[in-house]
């Protein structure tokens, strides 16, 4: 017999906690990201930089492209991976870093 669980009125609650250690960077292999996620070189760079903590503005400045171009890369990545948020992409890329 199942024991009833209390209902506190919360529905579909989720949280992502990212703990960053200053001075410690994940070793993300862009080649692994590109191959595993089937990304173009531009998409790979955006995915890796995002996982390393760079902002869209920083990526645009570093590449000489517009923020809109960076967001288009993100949109293509989201479509390829069936995800919809930057947090999902970061989690995915960091999980690949743990494998390598």
PDB file of N, CA and C in Angstrom:
ATOM      1  N   UNK A   1       0.842  -1.175   0.000  1.00  0.00           N
ATOM      2  CA  UNK A   1       0.000   0.000   0.000  1.00  0.00           C
ATOM      3  C   UNK A   1       0.891   1.243   0.000  1.00  0.00           C
ATOM      4  N   UNK A   2       0.607   2.171  -0.928  1.00  0.00           N
ATOM      5  CA  UNK A   2       1.405   3.384  -1.054  1.00  0.00           C
ATOM      6  C   UNK A   2       1.064   4.362   0.060  1.00  0.00           C
ATOM      7  N   UNK A   3       2.092   4.999   0.567  1.00  0.00           N
ATOM      8  CA  UNK A   3       1.919   6.014   1.607  1.00  0.00           C
ATOM      9  C   UNK A   3       1.641   7.342   0.917  1.00  0.00           C
ATOM     10  N   UNK A   4       0.542   8.028   1.285  1.00  0.00           N
ATOM     11  CA  UNK A   4       0.236   9.307   0.642  1.00  0.00           C
ATOM     12  C   UNK A   4       1.318  10.345   0.949  1.00  0.00           C
ATOM     13  N   UNK A   5       1.663  11.123  -0.062  1.00  0.00           N
ATOM     14  CA  UNK A   5       2.666  12.176   0.087  1.00  0.00           C
ATOM     15  C   UNK A   5       1.957  13.517   0.207  1.00  0.00           C
ATOM     16  N   UNK A   6       2.480  14.415   1.048  1.00  0.00           N
ATOM     17  CA  UNK A   6       1.839  15.722   1.200  1.00  0.00           C
ATOM     18  C   UNK A   6       1.937  16.525  -0.097  1.00  0.00           C
ATOM     19  N   UNK A   7       0.936  17.329  -0.359  1.00  0.00           N
ATOM     20  CA  UNK A   7       0.904  18.201  -1.534  1.00  0.00           C
ATOM     21  C   UNK A   7       0.970  19.637  -1.038  1.00  0.00           C
ATOM     22  N   UNK A   8       2.050  20.329  -1.349  1.00  0.00           N
ATOM     23  CA  UNK A   8       2.232  21.700  -0.889  1.00  0.00           C
ATOM     24  C   UNK A   8       1.808  22.724  -1.940  1.00  0.00           C
ATOM     25  N   UNK A   9       1.126  22.267  -2.975  1.00  0.00           N
ATOM     26  CA  UNK A   9       0.609  23.174  -3.984  1.00  0.00           C
ATOM     27  C   UNK A   9       1.594  23.509  -5.089  1.00  0.00           C
ATOM     28  N   UNK A  10       2.788  22.993  -5.045  1.00  0.00           N
ATOM     29  CA  UNK A  10       3.778  23.277  -6.078  1.00  0.00           C
ATOM     30  C   UNK A  10       3.631  22.297  -7.224  1.00  0.00           C
ATOM     31  N   UNK A  11       3.685  22.811  -8.413  1.00  0.00           N
ATOM     32  CA  UNK A  11       3.595  21.975  -9.597  1.00  0.00           C
ATOM     33  C   UNK A  11       4.791  22.230 -10.501  1.00  0.00           C
ATOM     34  N   UNK A  12       5.412  21.194 -10.929  1.00  0.00           N
ATOM     35  CA  UNK A  12       6.508  21.285 -11.897  1.00  0.00           C
ATOM     36  C   UNK A  12       7.592  22.264 -11.454  1.00  0.00           C
ATOM     37  N   UNK A  13       8.029  22.144 -10.254  1.00  0.00           N
ATOM     38  CA  UNK A  13       9.079  22.995  -9.728  1.00  0.00           C
ATOM     39  C   UNK A  13      10.421  22.351 -10.029  1.00  0.00           C
ATOM     40  N   UNK A  14      11.350  23.144 -10.513  1.00  0.00           N
ATOM     41  CA  UNK A  14      12.687  22.635 -10.814  1.00  0.00           C
ATOM     42  C   UNK A  14      13.704  23.734 -10.522  1.00  0.00           C
ATOM     43  N   UNK A  15      14.914  23.331 -10.277  1.00  0.00           N
ATOM     44  CA  UNK A  15      15.978  24.295 -10.034  1.00  0.00           C
ATOM     45  C   UNK A  15      17.277  23.748 -10.607  1.00  0.00           C
ATOM     46  N   UNK A  16      18.104  24.644 -11.106  1.00  0.00           N
ATOM     47  CA  UNK A  16      19.428  24.288 -11.577  1.00  0.00           C
ATOM     48  C   UNK A  16      20.407  25.071 -10.729  1.00  0.00           C
ATOM     49  N   UNK A  17      21.305  24.373 -10.091  1.00  0.00           N
ATOM     50  CA  UNK A  17      22.324  25.020  -9.281  1.00  0.00           C
ATOM     51  C   UNK A  17      23.660  24.761  -9.946  1.00  0.00           C
ATOM     52  N   UNK A  18      24.339  25.820 -10.305  1.00  0.00           N
ATOM     53  CA  UNK A  18      25.645  25.713 -10.931  1.00  0.00           C
ATOM     54  C   UNK A  18      26.662  26.237  -9.934  1.00  0.00           C
ATOM     55  N   UNK A  19      27.548  25.374  -9.516  1.00  0.00           N
ATOM     56  CA  UNK A  19      28.573  25.760  -8.554  1.00  0.00           C
ATOM     57  C   UNK A  19      29.875  25.941  -9.325  1.00  0.00           C
ATOM     58  N   UNK A  20      30.407  27.132  -9.256  1.00  0.00           N
ATOM     59  CA  UNK A  20      31.645  27.437  -9.967  1.00  0.00           C
ATOM     60  C   UNK A  20      32.753  27.699  -8.967  1.00  0.00           C
ATOM     61  N   UNK A  21      33.876  27.080  -9.226  1.00  0.00           N
ATOM     62  CA  UNK A  21      35.044  27.315  -8.386  1.00  0.00           C
ATOM     63  C   UNK A  21      35.957  28.303  -9.110  1.00  0.00           C
ATOM     64  N   UNK A  22      36.198  29.470  -8.515  1.00  0.00           N
ATOM     65  CA  UNK A  22      37.106  30.422  -9.162  1.00  0.00           C
ATOM     66  C   UNK A  22      38.461  29.761  -9.433  1.00  0.00           C
ATOM     67  N   UNK A  23      38.976  29.992 -10.595  1.00  0.00           N
ATOM     68  CA  UNK A  23      40.272  29.421 -10.946  1.00  0.00           C
ATOM     69  C   UNK A  23      40.197  28.013 -11.500  1.00  0.00           C
ATOM     70  N   UNK A  24      39.067  27.338 -11.346  1.00  0.00           N
ATOM     71  CA  UNK A  24      38.915  25.982 -11.872  1.00  0.00           C
ATOM     72  C   UNK A  24      38.019  26.027 -13.095  1.00  0.00           C
ATOM     73  N   UNK A  25      38.538  25.614 -14.205  1.00  0.00           N
ATOM     74  CA  UNK A  25      37.749  25.596 -15.437  1.00  0.00           C
ATOM     75  C   UNK A  25      37.621  24.159 -15.912  1.00  0.00           C
ATOM     76  N   UNK A  26      36.421  23.855 -16.384  1.00  0.00           N
ATOM     77  CA  UNK A  26      36.226  22.551 -16.997  1.00  0.00           C
ATOM     78  C   UNK A  26      37.023  22.502 -18.289  1.00  0.00           C
ATOM     79  N   UNK A  27      37.590  21.376 -18.569  1.00  0.00           N
ATOM     80  CA  UNK A  27      38.305  21.176 -19.822  1.00  0.00           C
ATOM     81  C   UNK A  27      37.299  20.663 -20.844  1.00  0.00           C
ATOM     82  N   UNK A  28      36.828  21.571 -21.666  1.00  0.00           N
ATOM     83  CA  UNK A  28      35.835  21.210 -22.662  1.00  0.00           C
ATOM     84  C   UNK A  28      36.543  21.032 -23.990  1.00  0.00           C
ATOM     85  N   UNK A  29      36.426  19.848 -24.546  1.00  0.00           N
ATOM     86  CA  UNK A  29      37.053  19.552 -25.831  1.00  0.00           C
ATOM     87  C   UNK A  29      36.071  19.917 -26.942  1.00  0.00           C
ATOM     88  N   UNK A  30      36.340  20.999 -27.693  1.00  0.00           N
ATOM     89  CA  UNK A  30      35.425  21.419 -28.746  1.00  0.00           C
ATOM     90  C   UNK A  30      35.167  20.327 -29.791  1.00  0.00           C
ATOM     91  N   UNK A  31      36.165  19.530 -30.064  1.00  0.00           N
ATOM     92  CA  UNK A  31      36.007  18.453 -31.049  1.00  0.00           C
ATOM     93  C   UNK A  31      34.976  17.426 -30.568  1.00  0.00           C
ATOM     94  N   UNK A  32      35.018  17.101 -29.277  1.00  0.00           N
ATOM     95  CA  UNK A  32      34.044  16.168 -28.707  1.00  0.00           C
ATOM     96  C   UNK A  32      32.640  16.757 -28.771  1.00  0.00           C
ATOM     97  N   UNK A  33      32.527  18.040 -28.463  1.00  0.00           N
ATOM     98  CA  UNK A  33      31.228  18.709 -28.512  1.00  0.00           C
ATOM     99  C   UNK A  33      30.689  18.699 -29.938  1.00  0.00           C
ATOM    100  N   UNK A  34      31.529  19.068 -30.897  1.00  0.00           N
ATOM    101  CA  UNK A  34      31.102  19.128 -32.301  1.00  0.00           C
ATOM    102  C   UNK A  34      30.650  17.767 -32.804  1.00  0.00           C
ATOM    103  N   UNK A  35      31.448  16.752 -32.528  1.00  0.00           N
ATOM    104  CA  UNK A  35      31.145  15.409 -33.015  1.00  0.00           C
ATOM    105  C   UNK A  35      29.912  14.826 -32.338  1.00  0.00           C
ATOM    106  N   UNK A  36      29.857  14.930 -31.032  1.00  0.00           N
ATOM    107  CA  UNK A  36      28.761  14.330 -30.273  1.00  0.00           C
ATOM    108  C   UNK A  36      27.427  15.014 -30.551  1.00  0.00           C
ATOM    109  N   UNK A  37      27.446  16.341 -30.632  1.00  0.00           N
ATOM    110  CA  UNK A  37      26.206  17.087 -30.801  1.00  0.00           C
ATOM    111  C   UNK A  37      25.900  17.424 -32.262  1.00  0.00           C
ATOM    112  N   UNK A  38      26.818  17.037 -33.161  1.00  0.00           N
ATOM    113  CA  UNK A  38      26.661  17.288 -34.606  1.00  0.00           C
ATOM    114  C   UNK A  38      26.454  18.767 -34.896  1.00  0.00           C
ATOM    115  N   UNK A  39      27.409  19.584 -34.422  1.00  0.00           N
ATOM    116  CA  UNK A  39      27.334  21.029 -34.569  1.00  0.00           C
ATOM    117  C   UNK A  39      28.327  21.528 -35.609  1.00  0.00           C
ATOM    118  N   UNK A  40      28.004  22.669 -36.202  1.00  0.00           N
ATOM    119  CA  UNK A  40      28.933  23.340 -37.104  1.00  0.00           C
ATOM    120  C   UNK A  40      30.051  23.963 -36.258  1.00  0.00           C
ATOM    121  N   UNK A  41      31.153  24.385 -36.889  1.00  0.00           N
ATOM    122  CA  UNK A  41      32.217  25.036 -36.112  1.00  0.00           C
ATOM    123  C   UNK A  41      31.723  26.267 -35.341  1.00  0.00           C
ATOM    124  N   UNK A  42      30.894  27.100 -35.968  1.00  0.00           N
ATOM    125  CA  UNK A  42      30.362  28.285 -35.278  1.00  0.00           C
ATOM    126  C   UNK A  42      29.471  27.910 -34.111  1.00  0.00           C
ATOM    127  N   UNK A  43      28.610  26.934 -34.304  1.00  0.00           N
ATOM    128  CA  UNK A  43      27.730  26.470 -33.226  1.00  0.00           C
ATOM    129  C   UNK A  43      28.548  25.877 -32.091  1.00  0.00           C
ATOM    130  N   UNK A  44      29.587  25.150 -32.442  1.00  0.00           N
ATOM    131  CA  UNK A  44      30.450  24.544 -31.425  1.00  0.00           C
ATOM    132  C   UNK A  44      31.104  25.610 -30.568  1.00  0.00           C
ATOM    133  N   UNK A  45      31.629  26.630 -31.220  1.00  0.00           N
ATOM    134  CA  UNK A  45      32.294  27.713 -30.480  1.00  0.00           C
ATOM    135  C   UNK A  45      31.313  28.374 -29.514  1.00  0.00           C
ATOM    136  N   UNK A  46      30.095  28.655 -29.975  1.00  0.00           N
ATOM    137  CA  UNK A  46      29.080  29.278 -29.122  1.00  0.00           C
ATOM    138  C   UNK A  46      28.731  28.364 -27.951  1.00  0.00           C
ATOM    139  N   UNK A  47      28.526  27.081 -28.210  1.00  0.00           N
ATOM    140  CA  UNK A  47      28.163  26.136 -27.150  1.00  0.00           C
ATOM    141  C   UNK A  47      29.261  26.036 -26.096  1.00  0.00           C
ATOM    142  N   UNK A  48      30.499  25.941 -26.541  1.00  0.00           N
ATOM    143  CA  UNK A  48      31.625  25.813 -25.613  1.00  0.00           C
ATOM    144  C   UNK A  48      31.799  27.101 -24.811  1.00  0.00           C
ATOM    145  N   UNK A  49      31.769  28.235 -25.488  1.00  0.00           N
ATOM    146  CA  UNK A  49      31.933  29.506 -24.780  1.00  0.00           C
ATOM    147  C   UNK A  49      30.817  29.736 -23.775  1.00  0.00           C
ATOM    148  N   UNK A  50      29.600  29.358 -24.133  1.00  0.00           N
ATOM    149  CA  UNK A  50      28.486  29.505 -23.199  1.00  0.00           C
ATOM    150  C   UNK A  50      28.729  28.656 -21.949  1.00  0.00           C
ATOM    151  N   UNK A  51      29.168  27.422 -22.152  1.00  0.00           N
ATOM    152  CA  UNK A  51      29.446  26.525 -21.026  1.00  0.00           C
ATOM    153  C   UNK A  51      30.621  27.032 -20.181  1.00  0.00           C
ATOM    154  N   UNK A  52      31.511  27.794 -20.792  1.00  0.00           N
ATOM    155  CA  UNK A  52      32.639  28.368 -20.058  1.00  0.00           C
ATOM    156  C   UNK A  52      32.262  29.663 -19.340  1.00  0.00           C
ATOM    157  N   UNK A  53      31.018  30.107 -19.533  1.00  0.00           N
ATOM    158  CA  UNK A  53      30.544  31.268 -18.797  1.00  0.00           C
ATOM    159  C   UNK A  53      30.538  32.579 -19.554  1.00  0.00           C
ATOM    160  N   UNK A  54      30.805  32.552 -20.849  1.00  0.00           N
ATOM    161  CA  UNK A  54      30.787  33.789 -21.617  1.00  0.00           C
ATOM    162  C   UNK A  54      29.359  34.212 -21.932  1.00  0.00           C
ATOM    163  N   UNK A  55      29.147  35.496 -22.001  1.00  0.00           N
ATOM    164  CA  UNK A  55      27.833  36.032 -22.350  1.00  0.00           C
ATOM    165  C   UNK A  55      27.700  36.144 -23.860  1.00  0.00           C
ATOM    166  N   UNK A  56      26.483  36.305 -24.325  1.00  0.00           N
ATOM    167  CA  UNK A  56      26.236  36.483 -25.757  1.00  0.00           C
ATOM    168  C   UNK A  56      26.965  37.728 -26.247  1.00  0.00           C
ATOM    169  N   UNK A  57      26.939  38.783 -25.467  1.00  0.00           N
ATOM    170  CA  UNK A  57      27.638  40.019 -25.847  1.00  0.00           C
ATOM    171  C   UNK A  57      29.143  39.770 -25.998  1.00  0.00           C
ATOM    172  N   UNK A  58      29.736  39.042 -25.055  1.00  0.00           N
ATOM    173  CA  UNK A  58      31.173  38.742 -25.134  1.00  0.00           C
ATOM    174  C   UNK A  58      31.489  37.924 -26.378  1.00  0.00           C
ATOM    175  N   UNK A  59      30.628  36.951 -26.684  1.00  0.00           N
ATOM    176  CA  UNK A  59      30.845  36.126 -27.876  1.00  0.00           C
ATOM    177  C   UNK A  59      30.764  36.971 -29.142  1.00  0.00           C
ATOM    178  N   UNK A  60      29.800  37.873 -29.194  1.00  0.00           N
ATOM    179  CA  UNK A  60      29.648  38.735 -30.366  1.00  0.00           C
ATOM    180  C   UNK A  60      30.882  39.616 -30.543  1.00  0.00           C
ATOM    181  N   UNK A  61      31.343  40.204 -29.459  1.00  0.00           N
ATOM    182  CA  UNK A  61      32.528  41.058 -29.529  1.00  0.00           C
ATOM    183  C   UNK A  61      33.764  40.271 -29.943  1.00  0.00           C
ATOM    184  N   UNK A  62      33.929  39.059 -29.422  1.00  0.00           N
ATOM    185  CA  UNK A  62      35.105  38.244 -29.721  1.00  0.00           C
ATOM    186  C   UNK A  62      35.140  37.782 -31.176  1.00  0.00           C
ATOM    187  N   UNK A  63      33.972  37.606 -31.773  1.00  0.00           N
ATOM    188  CA  UNK A  63      33.911  37.098 -33.149  1.00  0.00           C
ATOM    189  C   UNK A  63      33.661  38.185 -34.179  1.00  0.00           C
ATOM    190  N   UNK A  64      33.347  39.398 -33.727  1.00  0.00           N
ATOM    191  CA  UNK A  64      33.032  40.476 -34.650  1.00  0.00           C
ATOM    192  C   UNK A  64      31.658  40.321 -35.290  1.00  0.00           C
ATOM    193  N   UNK A  65      30.820  39.502 -34.689  1.00  0.00           N
ATOM    194  CA  UNK A  65      29.465  39.277 -35.198  1.00  0.00           C
ATOM    195  C   UNK A  65      28.468  39.993 -34.309  1.00  0.00           C
ATOM    196  N   UNK A  66      27.225  40.021 -34.743  1.00  0.00           N
ATOM    197  CA  UNK A  66      26.188  40.658 -33.933  1.00  0.00           C
ATOM    198  C   UNK A  66      25.669  39.684 -32.883  1.00  0.00           C
ATOM    199  N   UNK A  67      25.029  40.228 -31.862  1.00  0.00           N
ATOM    200  CA  UNK A  67      24.394  39.364 -30.864  1.00  0.00           C
ATOM    201  C   UNK A  67      23.304  38.524 -31.524  1.00  0.00           C
ATOM    202  N   UNK A  68      22.635  39.088 -32.510  1.00  0.00           N
ATOM    203  CA  UNK A  68      21.612  38.340 -33.251  1.00  0.00           C
ATOM    204  C   UNK A  68      22.182  37.103 -33.918  1.00  0.00           C
ATOM    205  N   UNK A  69      23.396  37.214 -34.457  1.00  0.00           N
ATOM    206  CA  UNK A  69      24.039  36.057 -35.093  1.00  0.00           C
ATOM    207  C   UNK A  69      24.331  34.970 -34.062  1.00  0.00           C
ATOM    208  N   UNK A  70      24.748  35.384 -32.880  1.00  0.00           N
ATOM    209  CA  UNK A  70      25.015  34.417 -31.816  1.00  0.00           C
ATOM    210  C   UNK A  70      23.714  33.736 -31.400  1.00  0.00           C
ATOM    211  N   UNK A  71      22.653  34.516 -31.266  1.00  0.00           N
ATOM    212  CA  UNK A  71      21.352  33.927 -30.909  1.00  0.00           C
ATOM    213  C   UNK A  71      20.849  32.975 -31.996  1.00  0.00           C
ATOM    214  N   UNK A  72      21.148  33.258 -33.259  1.00  0.00           N
ATOM    215  CA  UNK A  72      20.758  32.327 -34.332  1.00  0.00           C
ATOM    216  C   UNK A  72      21.494  31.001 -34.188  1.00  0.00           C
ATOM    217  N   UNK A  73      22.786  31.066 -33.834  1.00  0.00           N
ATOM    218  CA  UNK A  73      23.530  29.824 -33.572  1.00  0.00           C
ATOM    219  C   UNK A  73      22.857  29.052 -32.437  1.00  0.00           C
ATOM    220  N   UNK A  74      22.518  29.759 -31.371  1.00  0.00           N
ATOM    221  CA  UNK A  74      21.857  29.103 -30.231  1.00  0.00           C
ATOM    222  C   UNK A  74      20.541  28.464 -30.666  1.00  0.00           C
ATOM    223  N   UNK A  75      19.766  29.178 -31.472  1.00  0.00           N
ATOM    224  CA  UNK A  75      18.486  28.643 -31.946  1.00  0.00           C
ATOM    225  C   UNK A  75      18.695  27.351 -32.731  1.00  0.00           C
ATOM    226  N   UNK A  76      19.703  27.325 -33.592  1.00  0.00           N
ATOM    227  CA  UNK A  76      19.991  26.114 -34.373  1.00  0.00           C
ATOM    228  C   UNK A  76      20.425  24.960 -33.469  1.00  0.00           C
ATOM    229  N   UNK A  77      21.238  25.272 -32.473  1.00  0.00           N
ATOM    230  CA  UNK A  77      21.669  24.239 -31.528  1.00  0.00           C
ATOM    231  C   UNK A  77      20.462  23.684 -30.777  1.00  0.00           C
ATOM    232  N   UNK A  78      19.597  24.580 -30.298  1.00  0.00           N
ATOM    233  CA  UNK A  78      18.406  24.148 -29.563  1.00  0.00           C
ATOM    234  C   UNK A  78      17.554  23.210 -30.418  1.00  0.00           C
ATOM    235  N   UNK A  79      17.380  23.565 -31.692  1.00  0.00           N
ATOM    236  CA  UNK A  79      16.587  22.727 -32.587  1.00  0.00           C
ATOM    237  C   UNK A  79      17.228  21.359 -32.774  1.00  0.00           C
ATOM    238  N   UNK A  80      18.535  21.332 -32.983  1.00  0.00           N
ATOM    239  CA  UNK A  80      19.246  20.070 -33.186  1.00  0.00           C
ATOM    240  C   UNK A  80      19.174  19.172 -31.955  1.00  0.00           C
ATOM    241  N   UNK A  81      19.204  19.774 -30.765  1.00  0.00           N
ATOM    242  CA  UNK A  81      19.258  19.004 -29.527  1.00  0.00           C
ATOM    243  C   UNK A  81      17.896  18.865 -28.843  1.00  0.00           C
ATOM    244  N   UNK A  82      16.872  19.435 -29.437  1.00  0.00           N
ATOM    245  CA  UNK A  82      15.513  19.407 -28.857  1.00  0.00           C
ATOM    246  C   UNK A  82      15.511  19.972 -27.439  1.00  0.00           C
ATOM    247  N   UNK A  83      16.165  21.122 -27.273  1.00  0.00           N
ATOM    248  CA  UNK A  83      16.181  21.827 -25.999  1.00  0.00           C
ATOM    249  C   UNK A  83      15.671  23.241 -26.233  1.00  0.00           C
ATOM    250  N   UNK A  84      15.468  23.997 -25.155  1.00  0.00           N
ATOM    251  CA  UNK A  84      14.930  25.342 -25.341  1.00  0.00           C
ATOM    252  C   UNK A  84      15.565  26.408 -24.455  1.00  0.00           C
ATOM    253  N   UNK A  85      16.571  26.039 -23.676  1.00  0.00           N
ATOM    254  CA  UNK A  85      17.155  27.014 -22.750  1.00  0.00           C
ATOM    255  C   UNK A  85      18.672  26.916 -22.729  1.00  0.00           C
ATOM    256  N   UNK A  86      19.310  28.043 -22.424  1.00  0.00           N
ATOM    257  CA  UNK A  86      20.765  28.059 -22.307  1.00  0.00           C
ATOM    258  C   UNK A  86      21.230  27.120 -21.208  1.00  0.00           C
ATOM    259  N   UNK A  87      20.488  27.048 -20.114  1.00  0.00           N
ATOM    260  CA  UNK A  87      20.872  26.157 -19.010  1.00  0.00           C
ATOM    261  C   UNK A  87      20.924  24.709 -19.466  1.00  0.00           C
ATOM    262  N   UNK A  88      20.000  24.313 -20.334  1.00  0.00           N
ATOM    263  CA  UNK A  88      20.003  22.945 -20.858  1.00  0.00           C
ATOM    264  C   UNK A  88      21.256  22.690 -21.697  1.00  0.00           C
ATOM    265  N   UNK A  89      21.629  23.678 -22.497  1.00  0.00           N
ATOM    266  CA  UNK A  89      22.821  23.533 -23.332  1.00  0.00           C
ATOM    267  C   UNK A  89      24.083  23.467 -22.476  1.00  0.00           C
ATOM    268  N   UNK A  90      24.170  24.332 -21.477  1.00  0.00           N
ATOM    269  CA  UNK A  90      25.341  24.315 -20.586  1.00  0.00           C
ATOM    270  C   UNK A  90      25.461  22.960 -19.900  1.00  0.00           C
ATOM    271  N   UNK A  91      24.355  22.456 -19.390  1.00  0.00           N
ATOM    272  CA  UNK A  91      24.371  21.157 -18.714  1.00  0.00           C
ATOM    273  C   UNK A  91      24.838  20.058 -19.681  1.00  0.00           C
ATOM    274  N   UNK A  92      24.360  20.105 -20.916  1.00  0.00           N
ATOM    275  CA  UNK A  92      24.731  19.113 -21.914  1.00  0.00           C
ATOM    276  C   UNK A  92      26.228  19.177 -22.232  1.00  0.00           C
ATOM    277  N   UNK A  93      26.737  20.374 -22.487  1.00  0.00           N
ATOM    278  CA  UNK A  93      28.153  20.520 -22.821  1.00  0.00           C
ATOM    279  C   UNK A  93      29.037  20.132 -21.634  1.00  0.00           C
ATOM    280  N   UNK A  94      28.662  20.551 -20.430  1.00  0.00           N
ATOM    281  CA  UNK A  94      29.463  20.190 -19.259  1.00  0.00           C
ATOM    282  C   UNK A  94      29.441  18.689 -18.992  1.00  0.00           C
ATOM    283  N   UNK A  95      28.350  18.030 -19.343  1.00  0.00           N
ATOM    284  CA  UNK A  95      28.313  16.568 -19.174  1.00  0.00           C
ATOM    285  C   UNK A  95      29.301  15.910 -20.123  1.00  0.00           C
ATOM    286  N   UNK A  96      29.517  16.507 -21.287  1.00  0.00           N
ATOM    287  CA  UNK A  96      30.515  15.975 -22.227  1.00  0.00           C
ATOM    288  C   UNK A  96      31.929  16.222 -21.697  1.00  0.00           C
ATOM    289  N   UNK A  97      32.113  17.353 -21.010  1.00  0.00           N
ATOM    290  CA  UNK A  97      33.433  17.658 -20.437  1.00  0.00           C
ATOM    291  C   UNK A  97      33.789  16.642 -19.370  1.00  0.00           C
ATOM    292  N   UNK A  98      32.798  16.179 -18.632  1.00  0.00           N
ATOM    293  CA  UNK A  98      33.042  15.174 -17.586  1.00  0.00           C
ATOM    294  C   UNK A  98      33.470  13.855 -18.192  1.00  0.00           C
ATOM    295  N   UNK A  99      32.983  13.555 -19.396  1.00  0.00           N
ATOM    296  CA  UNK A  99      33.365  12.298 -20.062  1.00  0.00           C
ATOM    297  C   UNK A  99      34.781  12.335 -20.563  1.00  0.00           C
ATOM    298  N   UNK A 100      35.237  13.513 -20.999  1.00  0.00           N
ATOM    299  CA  UNK A 100      36.557  13.624 -21.598  1.00  0.00           C
ATOM    300  C   UNK A 100      37.558  13.904 -20.575  1.00  0.00           C
TER     301      UNK A 100
END
